Amino acid sequence: MNRAQHIADSWQQTVLEQVDSDQTQFLKEDGSRIVGIWTGARGEGIDSKRVNDLELTIADDANSSAMEAEGTLQCTRRPTECG
C-alpha cells in the first residue's frame, strides 16, 4: 500500500469510529488528525519545524473557513443584513 492510500484509509477508519461523537469537535480536530497520520506515514518527527508549520497553516485555514461559513450561513438566514 502506498503512503497516500495509507493516509486515506487511516482517516476513513477514524471517521467511521467517530459516527456518534461530537461532530463539531471532530471536524475542528480533523486537520491535526490528518497531519498526525501523514507524520506517521512519512516517519516525520511530530515536533519537527515542518510539522509545526503545517499544523499552524491548517489551523489558520480552518479558522478562515469557519468564519467564511458562518458569514455565508448568516446571509442565508438573514439576507437583508448582507447588503
N, C-alpha and C. Protein backbone atom coordinates (compact mmCIF):
# COMPACT_ATOMS: atom_id res chain seq x y z
N MET A 1 0.86 -1.18 0.00
CA MET A 1 0.00 0.00 0.00
C MET A 1 0.90 1.24 0.00
N ASN A 2 0.56 2.23 -0.82
CA ASN A 2 1.36 3.45 -0.84
C ASN A 2 0.97 4.38 0.31
N ARG A 3 1.78 5.40 0.52
CA ARG A 3 1.56 6.30 1.66
C ARG A 3 0.23 7.04 1.57
N ALA A 4 -0.09 7.51 0.37
CA ALA A 4 -1.35 8.25 0.21
C ALA A 4 -2.55 7.37 0.56
N GLN A 5 -2.53 6.13 0.12
CA GLN A 5 -3.63 5.22 0.42
C GLN A 5 -3.69 4.93 1.92
N HIS A 6 -2.52 4.78 2.55
CA HIS A 6 -2.47 4.56 4.00
C HIS A 6 -3.09 5.74 4.74
N ILE A 7 -2.76 6.96 4.32
CA ILE A 7 -3.31 8.15 4.97
C ILE A 7 -4.82 8.19 4.79
N ALA A 8 -5.30 7.95 3.57
CA ALA A 8 -6.74 7.97 3.31
C ALA A 8 -7.46 6.88 4.10
N ASP A 9 -6.91 5.68 4.12
CA ASP A 9 -7.55 4.58 4.85
C ASP A 9 -7.57 4.85 6.36
N SER A 10 -6.48 5.39 6.89
CA SER A 10 -6.41 5.69 8.32
C SER A 10 -7.43 6.75 8.70
N TRP A 11 -7.54 7.79 7.88
CA TRP A 11 -8.50 8.85 8.16
C TRP A 11 -9.93 8.31 8.09
N GLN A 12 -10.20 7.51 7.06
CA GLN A 12 -11.55 6.95 6.89
C GLN A 12 -11.93 6.09 8.09
N GLN A 13 -11.01 5.29 8.58
CA GLN A 13 -11.29 4.46 9.75
C GLN A 13 -11.61 5.32 10.96
N THR A 14 -10.87 6.40 11.14
CA THR A 14 -11.13 7.31 12.26
C THR A 14 -12.51 7.93 12.14
N VAL A 15 -12.90 8.32 10.94
CA VAL A 15 -14.23 8.90 10.72
C VAL A 15 -15.31 7.88 11.09
N LEU A 16 -15.14 6.66 10.64
CA LEU A 16 -16.14 5.63 10.94
C LEU A 16 -16.27 5.38 12.44
N GLU A 17 -15.18 5.49 13.17
CA GLU A 17 -15.20 5.26 14.62
C GLU A 17 -15.84 6.42 15.37
N GLN A 18 -15.98 7.58 14.74
CA GLN A 18 -16.48 8.78 15.41
C GLN A 18 -17.92 9.12 15.07
N VAL A 19 -18.65 8.21 14.47
CA VAL A 19 -20.00 8.48 13.99
C VAL A 19 -20.90 9.06 15.07
N ASP A 20 -20.82 8.58 16.29
CA ASP A 20 -21.73 9.04 17.34
C ASP A 20 -21.13 10.11 18.24
N SER A 21 -19.96 10.61 17.90
CA SER A 21 -19.32 11.59 18.77
C SER A 21 -19.76 13.01 18.42
N ASP A 22 -19.22 13.97 19.11
CA ASP A 22 -19.48 15.39 18.87
C ASP A 22 -18.88 15.76 17.51
N GLN A 23 -19.72 15.88 16.50
CA GLN A 23 -19.24 16.12 15.14
C GLN A 23 -18.52 17.45 15.00
N THR A 24 -18.96 18.48 15.68
CA THR A 24 -18.31 19.77 15.58
C THR A 24 -16.88 19.68 16.08
N GLN A 25 -16.69 19.08 17.22
CA GLN A 25 -15.34 18.92 17.77
C GLN A 25 -14.50 18.03 16.87
N PHE A 26 -15.10 16.98 16.34
CA PHE A 26 -14.37 16.07 15.44
C PHE A 26 -13.83 16.84 14.23
N LEU A 27 -14.67 17.68 13.64
CA LEU A 27 -14.24 18.44 12.47
C LEU A 27 -13.17 19.46 12.82
N LYS A 28 -13.26 20.07 13.99
CA LYS A 28 -12.23 21.03 14.42
C LYS A 28 -10.88 20.35 14.55
N GLU A 29 -10.88 19.10 14.97
CA GLU A 29 -9.64 18.36 15.20
C GLU A 29 -9.16 17.61 13.95
N ASP A 30 -9.95 17.64 12.88
CA ASP A 30 -9.65 16.82 11.71
C ASP A 30 -8.31 17.17 11.07
N GLY A 31 -7.98 18.44 10.96
CA GLY A 31 -6.70 18.83 10.36
C GLY A 31 -5.52 18.26 11.12
N SER A 32 -5.56 18.36 12.43
CA SER A 32 -4.48 17.81 13.25
C SER A 32 -4.41 16.30 13.13
N ARG A 33 -5.57 15.68 13.03
CA ARG A 33 -5.63 14.22 12.87
C ARG A 33 -4.95 13.79 11.56
N ILE A 34 -5.24 14.51 10.49
CA ILE A 34 -4.64 14.18 9.20
C ILE A 34 -3.13 14.42 9.23
N VAL A 35 -2.70 15.49 9.86
CA VAL A 35 -1.26 15.75 9.97
C VAL A 35 -0.59 14.62 10.75
N GLY A 36 -1.25 14.14 11.80
CA GLY A 36 -0.69 13.03 12.58
C GLY A 36 -0.54 11.77 11.75
N ILE A 37 -1.54 11.48 10.94
CA ILE A 37 -1.48 10.30 10.07
C ILE A 37 -0.36 10.48 9.04
N TRP A 38 -0.28 11.67 8.45
CA TRP A 38 0.76 11.97 7.46
C TRP A 38 2.15 11.85 8.08
N THR A 39 2.28 12.38 9.30
CA THR A 39 3.55 12.33 10.01
C THR A 39 4.00 10.89 10.22
N GLY A 40 3.08 10.05 10.67
CA GLY A 40 3.41 8.65 10.89
C GLY A 40 3.77 7.92 9.61
N ALA A 41 3.04 8.21 8.54
CA ALA A 41 3.30 7.54 7.25
C ALA A 41 4.65 7.92 6.68
N ARG A 42 5.08 9.15 6.94
CA ARG A 42 6.37 9.62 6.41
C ARG A 42 7.53 9.39 7.37
N GLY A 43 7.22 9.02 8.60
CA GLY A 43 8.28 8.86 9.58
C GLY A 43 8.85 10.20 10.03
N GLU A 44 8.06 11.23 9.89
CA GLU A 44 8.47 12.59 10.26
C GLU A 44 8.31 12.76 11.77
N GLY A 45 9.19 13.49 12.39
CA GLY A 45 9.10 13.77 13.82
C GLY A 45 7.92 14.69 14.11
N ILE A 46 7.11 14.35 15.11
CA ILE A 46 5.90 15.14 15.38
C ILE A 46 6.21 16.55 15.88
N ASP A 47 7.42 16.78 16.36
CA ASP A 47 7.78 18.11 16.83
C ASP A 47 8.72 18.83 15.87
N SER A 48 8.82 18.33 14.64
CA SER A 48 9.71 18.98 13.68
C SER A 48 9.12 20.31 13.23
N LYS A 49 9.98 21.22 12.78
CA LYS A 49 9.53 22.52 12.31
C LYS A 49 8.56 22.35 11.14
N ARG A 50 8.82 21.43 10.26
CA ARG A 50 7.95 21.19 9.11
C ARG A 50 6.53 20.83 9.55
N VAL A 51 6.42 19.94 10.53
CA VAL A 51 5.10 19.52 11.02
C VAL A 51 4.43 20.67 11.78
N ASN A 52 5.18 21.37 12.61
CA ASN A 52 4.62 22.50 13.34
C ASN A 52 4.11 23.59 12.40
N ASP A 53 4.88 23.88 11.35
CA ASP A 53 4.44 24.88 10.36
C ASP A 53 3.17 24.42 9.66
N LEU A 54 3.10 23.15 9.31
CA LEU A 54 1.91 22.60 8.65
C LEU A 54 0.69 22.69 9.56
N GLU A 55 0.86 22.38 10.84
CA GLU A 55 -0.26 22.46 11.78
C GLU A 55 -0.75 23.90 11.94
N LEU A 56 0.17 24.86 11.97
CA LEU A 56 -0.23 26.27 12.07
C LEU A 56 -1.00 26.71 10.82
N THR A 57 -0.54 26.29 9.67
CA THR A 57 -1.23 26.63 8.42
C THR A 57 -2.63 26.04 8.41
N ILE A 58 -2.75 24.80 8.82
CA ILE A 58 -4.06 24.14 8.86
C ILE A 58 -5.00 24.85 9.83
N ALA A 59 -4.49 25.22 10.99
CA ALA A 59 -5.32 25.91 11.98
C ALA A 59 -5.79 27.26 11.44
N ASP A 60 -4.91 27.99 10.77
CA ASP A 60 -5.30 29.27 10.17
C ASP A 60 -6.36 29.07 9.09
N ASP A 61 -6.15 28.07 8.24
CA ASP A 61 -7.10 27.77 7.18
C ASP A 61 -8.46 27.36 7.75
N ALA A 62 -8.43 26.55 8.79
CA ALA A 62 -9.69 26.09 9.41
C ALA A 62 -10.44 27.27 10.02
N ASN A 63 -9.71 28.18 10.66
CA ASN A 63 -10.35 29.34 11.26
C ASN A 63 -10.95 30.24 10.18
N SER A 64 -10.22 30.46 9.10
CA SER A 64 -10.75 31.27 8.00
C SER A 64 -11.98 30.63 7.39
N SER A 65 -11.93 29.32 7.19
CA SER A 65 -13.07 28.61 6.61
C SER A 65 -14.29 28.68 7.52
N ALA A 66 -14.07 28.56 8.82
CA ALA A 66 -15.18 28.63 9.77
C ALA A 66 -15.83 30.01 9.74
N MET A 67 -15.00 31.04 9.68
CA MET A 67 -15.54 32.41 9.63
C MET A 67 -16.31 32.64 8.32
N GLU A 68 -15.78 32.14 7.22
CA GLU A 68 -16.45 32.29 5.93
C GLU A 68 -17.78 31.54 5.92
N ALA A 69 -17.79 30.33 6.47
CA ALA A 69 -19.02 29.54 6.53
C ALA A 69 -20.07 30.23 7.39
N GLU A 70 -19.65 30.79 8.51
CA GLU A 70 -20.58 31.49 9.39
C GLU A 70 -21.18 32.69 8.67
N GLY A 71 -20.36 33.44 7.94
CA GLY A 71 -20.86 34.58 7.18
C GLY A 71 -21.86 34.16 6.12
N THR A 72 -21.55 33.09 5.43
CA THR A 72 -22.45 32.58 4.39
C THR A 72 -23.77 32.13 5.00
N LEU A 73 -23.71 31.43 6.12
CA LEU A 73 -24.93 30.98 6.78
C LEU A 73 -25.76 32.16 7.27
N GLN A 74 -25.11 33.17 7.78
CA GLN A 74 -25.84 34.34 8.26
C GLN A 74 -26.55 35.03 7.09
N CYS A 75 -25.88 35.13 5.95
CA CYS A 75 -26.52 35.75 4.78
C CYS A 75 -27.69 34.91 4.28
N THR A 76 -27.58 33.61 4.43
CA THR A 76 -28.67 32.73 4.01
C THR A 76 -29.86 32.90 4.95
N ARG A 77 -29.58 33.05 6.23
CA ARG A 77 -30.66 33.19 7.23
C ARG A 77 -31.28 34.59 7.20
N ARG A 78 -30.42 35.60 7.02
CA ARG A 78 -30.88 36.99 7.07
C ARG A 78 -30.28 37.78 5.89
N PRO A 79 -30.78 37.57 4.70
CA PRO A 79 -30.18 38.20 3.51
C PRO A 79 -30.18 39.72 3.55
N THR A 80 -31.12 40.33 4.24
CA THR A 80 -31.16 41.79 4.29
C THR A 80 -29.97 42.38 5.04
N GLU A 81 -29.32 41.59 5.89
CA GLU A 81 -28.16 42.07 6.64
C GLU A 81 -26.86 42.01 5.83
N CYS A 82 -26.92 41.38 4.67
CA CYS A 82 -25.70 41.18 3.90
C CYS A 82 -25.52 42.16 2.75
N GLY A 83 -26.50 43.01 2.53
CA GLY A 83 -26.40 44.03 1.51
C GLY A 83 -26.41 43.52 0.18
